Amino acid sequence: MIGIIFQFAAETMEVRVDRESVYFRTPQSPGFTTINGLKLDKAGVLKEFPELKDNPKWQSIARERFKEKIKECENEMERVDYIISDLKKYGYKPLYLQRQGFRVQKLQ
């Protein structure tokens, strides 16, 4: 299991990658949730997938594409690298990384 802490403006978000599963925790959520539990920003989704602009099911399609991309990754570290690079595009700053409960590593 690998955990990553991100900062976006004044908020922090934690992402955990456990094999093929990815969990998210935001200040608004009481615990970890999957991508299905997150409220997606339409502007952010449209930056990645502009063809979903007029699709009423844009959130579910974006979630499915995320899940497919995660499954394509071969290991946890490749998934972590993908998540970091993807969230950086939207202004999230990776702060810390923790592998298997070991000491936290500062990112940058």
N, C-alpha and C. Protein backbone atom coordinates (compact mmCIF):
# COMPACT_ATOMS: atom_id res chain seq x y z
N MET A 1 0.84 -1.18 0.00
CA MET A 1 0.00 0.00 0.00
C MET A 1 0.89 1.24 0.00
N ILE A 2 0.50 2.21 -0.81
CA ILE A 2 1.24 3.47 -0.92
C ILE A 2 0.25 4.62 -0.70
N GLY A 3 0.60 5.55 0.15
CA GLY A 3 -0.23 6.72 0.41
C GLY A 3 0.45 7.97 -0.10
N ILE A 4 -0.36 8.89 -0.60
CA ILE A 4 0.15 10.16 -1.12
C ILE A 4 -0.70 11.27 -0.53
N ILE A 5 -0.07 12.33 -0.07
CA ILE A 5 -0.78 13.52 0.42
C ILE A 5 -0.59 14.63 -0.61
N PHE A 6 -1.72 15.23 -1.03
CA PHE A 6 -1.71 16.34 -1.98
C PHE A 6 -2.25 17.59 -1.30
N GLN A 7 -1.82 18.73 -1.80
CA GLN A 7 -2.38 20.00 -1.36
C GLN A 7 -2.99 20.69 -2.57
N PHE A 8 -4.19 21.23 -2.37
CA PHE A 8 -4.86 22.01 -3.41
C PHE A 8 -5.41 23.25 -2.72
N ALA A 9 -4.80 24.38 -2.98
CA ALA A 9 -5.11 25.64 -2.28
C ALA A 9 -4.89 25.39 -0.79
N ALA A 10 -5.92 25.59 0.04
CA ALA A 10 -5.78 25.41 1.48
C ALA A 10 -6.18 24.01 1.93
N GLU A 11 -6.67 23.18 1.02
CA GLU A 11 -7.13 21.84 1.37
C GLU A 11 -6.06 20.79 1.13
N THR A 12 -6.18 19.70 1.86
CA THR A 12 -5.32 18.55 1.61
C THR A 12 -6.20 17.37 1.20
N MET A 13 -5.60 16.46 0.46
CA MET A 13 -6.30 15.26 0.04
C MET A 13 -5.32 14.10 0.15
N GLU A 14 -5.82 12.97 0.60
CA GLU A 14 -4.99 11.78 0.70
C GLU A 14 -5.48 10.74 -0.30
N VAL A 15 -4.53 10.11 -0.97
CA VAL A 15 -4.83 9.04 -1.93
C VAL A 15 -4.06 7.81 -1.48
N ARG A 16 -4.75 6.68 -1.43
CA ARG A 16 -4.09 5.42 -1.10
C ARG A 16 -4.25 4.46 -2.27
N VAL A 17 -3.14 3.85 -2.63
CA VAL A 17 -3.14 2.85 -3.70
C VAL A 17 -2.82 1.51 -3.03
N ASP A 18 -3.77 0.59 -3.11
CA ASP A 18 -3.61 -0.73 -2.53
C ASP A 18 -3.86 -1.75 -3.62
N ARG A 19 -2.78 -2.24 -4.21
CA ARG A 19 -2.83 -3.13 -5.38
C ARG A 19 -3.56 -2.43 -6.52
N GLU A 20 -4.73 -2.94 -6.94
CA GLU A 20 -5.48 -2.31 -8.03
C GLU A 20 -6.54 -1.33 -7.53
N SER A 21 -6.65 -1.16 -6.23
CA SER A 21 -7.67 -0.26 -5.66
C SER A 21 -7.06 1.09 -5.33
N VAL A 22 -7.84 2.13 -5.60
CA VAL A 22 -7.41 3.49 -5.29
C VAL A 22 -8.49 4.12 -4.42
N TYR A 23 -8.08 4.69 -3.28
CA TYR A 23 -9.01 5.30 -2.34
C TYR A 23 -8.62 6.76 -2.14
N PHE A 24 -9.63 7.59 -1.92
CA PHE A 24 -9.43 9.03 -1.75
C PHE A 24 -10.05 9.46 -0.43
N ARG A 25 -9.41 10.45 0.21
CA ARG A 25 -9.99 11.06 1.41
C ARG A 25 -9.77 12.56 1.32
N THR A 26 -10.86 13.29 1.44
CA THR A 26 -10.82 14.75 1.42
C THR A 26 -11.28 15.26 2.77
N PRO A 27 -11.08 16.54 3.05
CA PRO A 27 -11.54 17.07 4.33
C PRO A 27 -13.06 16.92 4.54
N GLN A 28 -13.83 16.88 3.47
CA GLN A 28 -15.27 16.75 3.59
C GLN A 28 -15.72 15.32 3.86
N SER A 29 -14.89 14.34 3.51
CA SER A 29 -15.30 12.95 3.66
C SER A 29 -14.85 12.40 5.02
N PRO A 30 -15.72 11.63 5.66
CA PRO A 30 -15.38 11.08 6.98
C PRO A 30 -14.33 9.97 6.91
N GLY A 31 -14.21 9.32 5.77
CA GLY A 31 -13.23 8.24 5.60
C GLY A 31 -12.83 8.13 4.16
N PHE A 32 -12.19 7.05 3.82
CA PHE A 32 -11.76 6.85 2.45
C PHE A 32 -12.92 6.41 1.57
N THR A 33 -12.87 6.83 0.33
CA THR A 33 -13.89 6.46 -0.65
C THR A 33 -13.20 6.12 -1.97
N THR A 34 -13.90 5.42 -2.81
CA THR A 34 -13.37 5.12 -4.14
C THR A 34 -13.67 6.31 -5.05
N ILE A 35 -13.30 6.20 -6.30
CA ILE A 35 -13.58 7.26 -7.27
C ILE A 35 -15.08 7.49 -7.39
N ASN A 36 -15.87 6.46 -7.12
CA ASN A 36 -17.33 6.59 -7.20
C ASN A 36 -17.89 7.54 -6.15
N GLY A 37 -17.18 7.72 -5.04
CA GLY A 37 -17.65 8.59 -3.98
C GLY A 37 -17.22 10.04 -4.11
N LEU A 38 -16.41 10.34 -5.10
CA LEU A 38 -15.93 11.71 -5.28
C LEU A 38 -16.85 12.50 -6.19
N LYS A 39 -16.98 13.77 -5.87
CA LYS A 39 -17.70 14.68 -6.76
C LYS A 39 -16.68 15.22 -7.75
N LEU A 40 -16.91 14.96 -9.02
CA LEU A 40 -15.97 15.38 -10.05
C LEU A 40 -16.30 16.79 -10.54
N ASP A 41 -15.26 17.53 -10.86
CA ASP A 41 -15.41 18.87 -11.40
C ASP A 41 -15.55 18.76 -12.91
N LYS A 42 -16.65 19.28 -13.44
CA LYS A 42 -16.91 19.14 -14.88
C LYS A 42 -15.83 19.82 -15.71
N ALA A 43 -15.35 20.98 -15.28
CA ALA A 43 -14.32 21.68 -16.04
C ALA A 43 -13.04 20.84 -16.12
N GLY A 44 -12.69 20.20 -15.01
CA GLY A 44 -11.50 19.35 -15.00
C GLY A 44 -11.67 18.13 -15.89
N VAL A 45 -12.85 17.52 -15.86
CA VAL A 45 -13.11 16.35 -16.70
C VAL A 45 -13.07 16.75 -18.17
N LEU A 46 -13.62 17.91 -18.49
CA LEU A 46 -13.65 18.35 -19.89
C LEU A 46 -12.26 18.70 -20.42
N LYS A 47 -11.34 19.09 -19.53
CA LYS A 47 -9.96 19.32 -19.97
C LYS A 47 -9.35 18.02 -20.46
N GLU A 48 -9.67 16.94 -19.79
CA GLU A 48 -9.12 15.63 -20.14
C GLU A 48 -9.90 14.97 -21.27
N PHE A 49 -11.23 15.11 -21.21
CA PHE A 49 -12.11 14.45 -22.18
C PHE A 49 -13.11 15.45 -22.76
N PRO A 50 -12.69 16.30 -23.69
CA PRO A 50 -13.58 17.34 -24.22
C PRO A 50 -14.80 16.78 -24.95
N GLU A 51 -14.73 15.54 -25.41
CA GLU A 51 -15.87 14.95 -26.12
C GLU A 51 -17.06 14.66 -25.20
N LEU A 52 -16.88 14.77 -23.89
CA LEU A 52 -17.98 14.51 -22.95
C LEU A 52 -18.80 15.76 -22.63
N LYS A 53 -18.52 16.85 -23.32
CA LYS A 53 -19.16 18.14 -23.03
C LYS A 53 -20.68 18.06 -22.97
N ASP A 54 -21.31 17.44 -23.95
CA ASP A 54 -22.76 17.40 -24.01
C ASP A 54 -23.34 16.07 -23.57
N ASN A 55 -22.52 15.21 -23.01
CA ASN A 55 -22.98 13.90 -22.58
C ASN A 55 -23.53 13.99 -21.15
N PRO A 56 -24.79 13.60 -20.93
CA PRO A 56 -25.36 13.69 -19.58
C PRO A 56 -24.73 12.70 -18.59
N LYS A 57 -24.04 11.70 -19.09
CA LYS A 57 -23.40 10.70 -18.23
C LYS A 57 -21.90 10.94 -18.11
N TRP A 58 -21.45 12.19 -18.20
CA TRP A 58 -20.04 12.51 -18.22
C TRP A 58 -19.30 12.02 -16.97
N GLN A 59 -19.95 12.09 -15.79
CA GLN A 59 -19.27 11.66 -14.57
C GLN A 59 -19.00 10.16 -14.58
N SER A 60 -19.99 9.37 -14.92
CA SER A 60 -19.80 7.92 -14.90
C SER A 60 -18.80 7.47 -15.96
N ILE A 61 -18.81 8.12 -17.12
CA ILE A 61 -17.84 7.78 -18.17
C ILE A 61 -16.43 8.13 -17.72
N ALA A 62 -16.25 9.29 -17.10
CA ALA A 62 -14.92 9.71 -16.62
C ALA A 62 -14.42 8.75 -15.53
N ARG A 63 -15.31 8.33 -14.65
CA ARG A 63 -14.92 7.37 -13.60
C ARG A 63 -14.48 6.04 -14.21
N GLU A 64 -15.23 5.56 -15.19
CA GLU A 64 -14.88 4.29 -15.84
C GLU A 64 -13.54 4.39 -16.55
N ARG A 65 -13.26 5.51 -17.18
CA ARG A 65 -11.98 5.69 -17.87
C ARG A 65 -10.82 5.71 -16.87
N PHE A 66 -11.06 6.33 -15.71
CA PHE A 66 -10.04 6.33 -14.65
C PHE A 66 -9.76 4.90 -14.20
N LYS A 67 -10.82 4.14 -13.96
CA LYS A 67 -10.65 2.75 -13.51
C LYS A 67 -9.90 1.91 -14.55
N GLU A 68 -10.22 2.11 -15.81
CA GLU A 68 -9.52 1.38 -16.88
C GLU A 68 -8.04 1.73 -16.91
N LYS A 69 -7.73 3.01 -16.76
CA LYS A 69 -6.33 3.44 -16.76
C LYS A 69 -5.58 2.83 -15.58
N ILE A 70 -6.20 2.79 -14.42
CA ILE A 70 -5.57 2.21 -13.23
C ILE A 70 -5.30 0.72 -13.46
N LYS A 71 -6.24 0.02 -14.09
CA LYS A 71 -6.04 -1.41 -14.35
C LYS A 71 -4.92 -1.67 -15.35
N GLU A 72 -4.68 -0.73 -16.25
CA GLU A 72 -3.62 -0.88 -17.24
C GLU A 72 -2.23 -0.79 -16.61
N CYS A 73 -2.12 -0.10 -15.50
CA CYS A 73 -0.82 0.05 -14.83
C CYS A 73 -0.39 -1.31 -14.27
N GLU A 74 0.90 -1.58 -14.33
CA GLU A 74 1.40 -2.89 -13.96
C GLU A 74 1.60 -3.09 -12.46
N ASN A 75 1.89 -2.03 -11.72
CA ASN A 75 2.13 -2.17 -10.28
C ASN A 75 1.69 -0.91 -9.54
N GLU A 76 1.81 -0.96 -8.21
CA GLU A 76 1.36 0.17 -7.40
C GLU A 76 2.12 1.45 -7.71
N MET A 77 3.44 1.35 -7.88
CA MET A 77 4.23 2.56 -8.12
C MET A 77 3.87 3.20 -9.45
N GLU A 78 3.57 2.41 -10.46
CA GLU A 78 3.15 2.96 -11.74
C GLU A 78 1.79 3.68 -11.58
N ARG A 79 0.91 3.13 -10.77
CA ARG A 79 -0.38 3.78 -10.49
C ARG A 79 -0.16 5.10 -9.76
N VAL A 80 0.75 5.09 -8.79
CA VAL A 80 1.06 6.32 -8.04
C VAL A 80 1.62 7.38 -8.98
N ASP A 81 2.53 7.00 -9.85
CA ASP A 81 3.11 7.96 -10.80
C ASP A 81 2.03 8.55 -11.70
N TYR A 82 1.09 7.71 -12.16
CA TYR A 82 -0.01 8.19 -12.99
C TYR A 82 -0.88 9.18 -12.23
N ILE A 83 -1.24 8.84 -11.00
CA ILE A 83 -2.11 9.72 -10.20
C ILE A 83 -1.43 11.05 -9.93
N ILE A 84 -0.15 11.01 -9.57
CA ILE A 84 0.59 12.25 -9.31
C ILE A 84 0.63 13.12 -10.57
N SER A 85 0.99 12.53 -11.70
CA SER A 85 1.09 13.33 -12.92
C SER A 85 -0.27 13.86 -13.35
N ASP A 86 -1.32 13.05 -13.16
CA ASP A 86 -2.66 13.48 -13.55
C ASP A 86 -3.17 14.62 -12.66
N LEU A 87 -2.99 14.50 -11.36
CA LEU A 87 -3.49 15.54 -10.45
C LEU A 87 -2.65 16.82 -10.52
N LYS A 88 -1.38 16.70 -10.86
CA LYS A 88 -0.55 17.90 -11.01
C LYS A 88 -1.11 18.81 -12.10
N LYS A 89 -1.68 18.22 -13.15
CA LYS A 89 -2.24 19.01 -14.26
C LYS A 89 -3.36 19.93 -13.79
N TYR A 90 -4.01 19.55 -12.70
CA TYR A 90 -5.17 20.31 -12.21
C TYR A 90 -4.84 21.14 -10.98
N GLY A 91 -3.57 21.32 -10.69
CA GLY A 91 -3.16 22.20 -9.61
C GLY A 91 -2.92 21.53 -8.28
N TYR A 92 -3.01 20.21 -8.20
CA TYR A 92 -2.72 19.51 -6.95
C TYR A 92 -1.21 19.37 -6.81
N LYS A 93 -0.70 19.67 -5.63
CA LYS A 93 0.73 19.60 -5.38
C LYS A 93 1.01 18.40 -4.48
N PRO A 94 1.78 17.41 -4.96
CA PRO A 94 2.10 16.25 -4.12
C PRO A 94 3.08 16.66 -3.02
N LEU A 95 2.73 16.36 -1.78
CA LEU A 95 3.58 16.74 -0.66
C LEU A 95 4.38 15.57 -0.09
N TYR A 96 3.68 14.46 0.19
CA TYR A 96 4.32 13.33 0.87
C TYR A 96 3.91 12.00 0.25
N LEU A 97 4.80 11.03 0.38
CA LEU A 97 4.56 9.67 -0.10
C LEU A 97 4.98 8.72 1.02
N GLN A 98 4.14 7.72 1.28
CA GLN A 98 4.48 6.73 2.29
C GLN A 98 4.23 5.34 1.73
N ARG A 99 5.24 4.48 1.78
CA ARG A 99 5.13 3.12 1.26
C ARG A 99 5.06 2.12 2.40
N GLN A 100 4.06 1.27 2.36
CA GLN A 100 3.93 0.14 3.27
C GLN A 100 4.13 0.51 4.74
N GLY A 101 3.75 1.70 5.16
CA GLY A 101 3.86 2.10 6.55
C GLY A 101 5.25 2.56 6.96
N PHE A 102 6.19 2.65 6.02
CA PHE A 102 7.52 3.11 6.36
C PHE A 102 7.53 4.63 6.51
N ARG A 103 8.68 5.17 6.78
CA ARG A 103 8.82 6.61 7.00
C ARG A 103 8.31 7.40 5.79
N VAL A 104 7.67 8.51 6.07
CA VAL A 104 7.12 9.37 5.05
C VAL A 104 8.24 10.06 4.29
N GLN A 105 8.12 10.12 2.95
CA GLN A 105 9.08 10.80 2.09
C GLN A 105 8.45 12.10 1.61
N LYS A 106 9.21 13.18 1.72
CA LYS A 106 8.74 14.45 1.19
C LYS A 106 8.97 14.47 -0.31
N LEU A 107 7.96 14.87 -1.06
CA LEU A 107 8.05 14.93 -2.52
C LEU A 107 8.37 16.34 -2.96
N GLN A 108 9.10 16.48 -4.05
CA GLN A 108 9.40 17.74 -4.72
C GLN A 108 10.74 17.72 -5.31
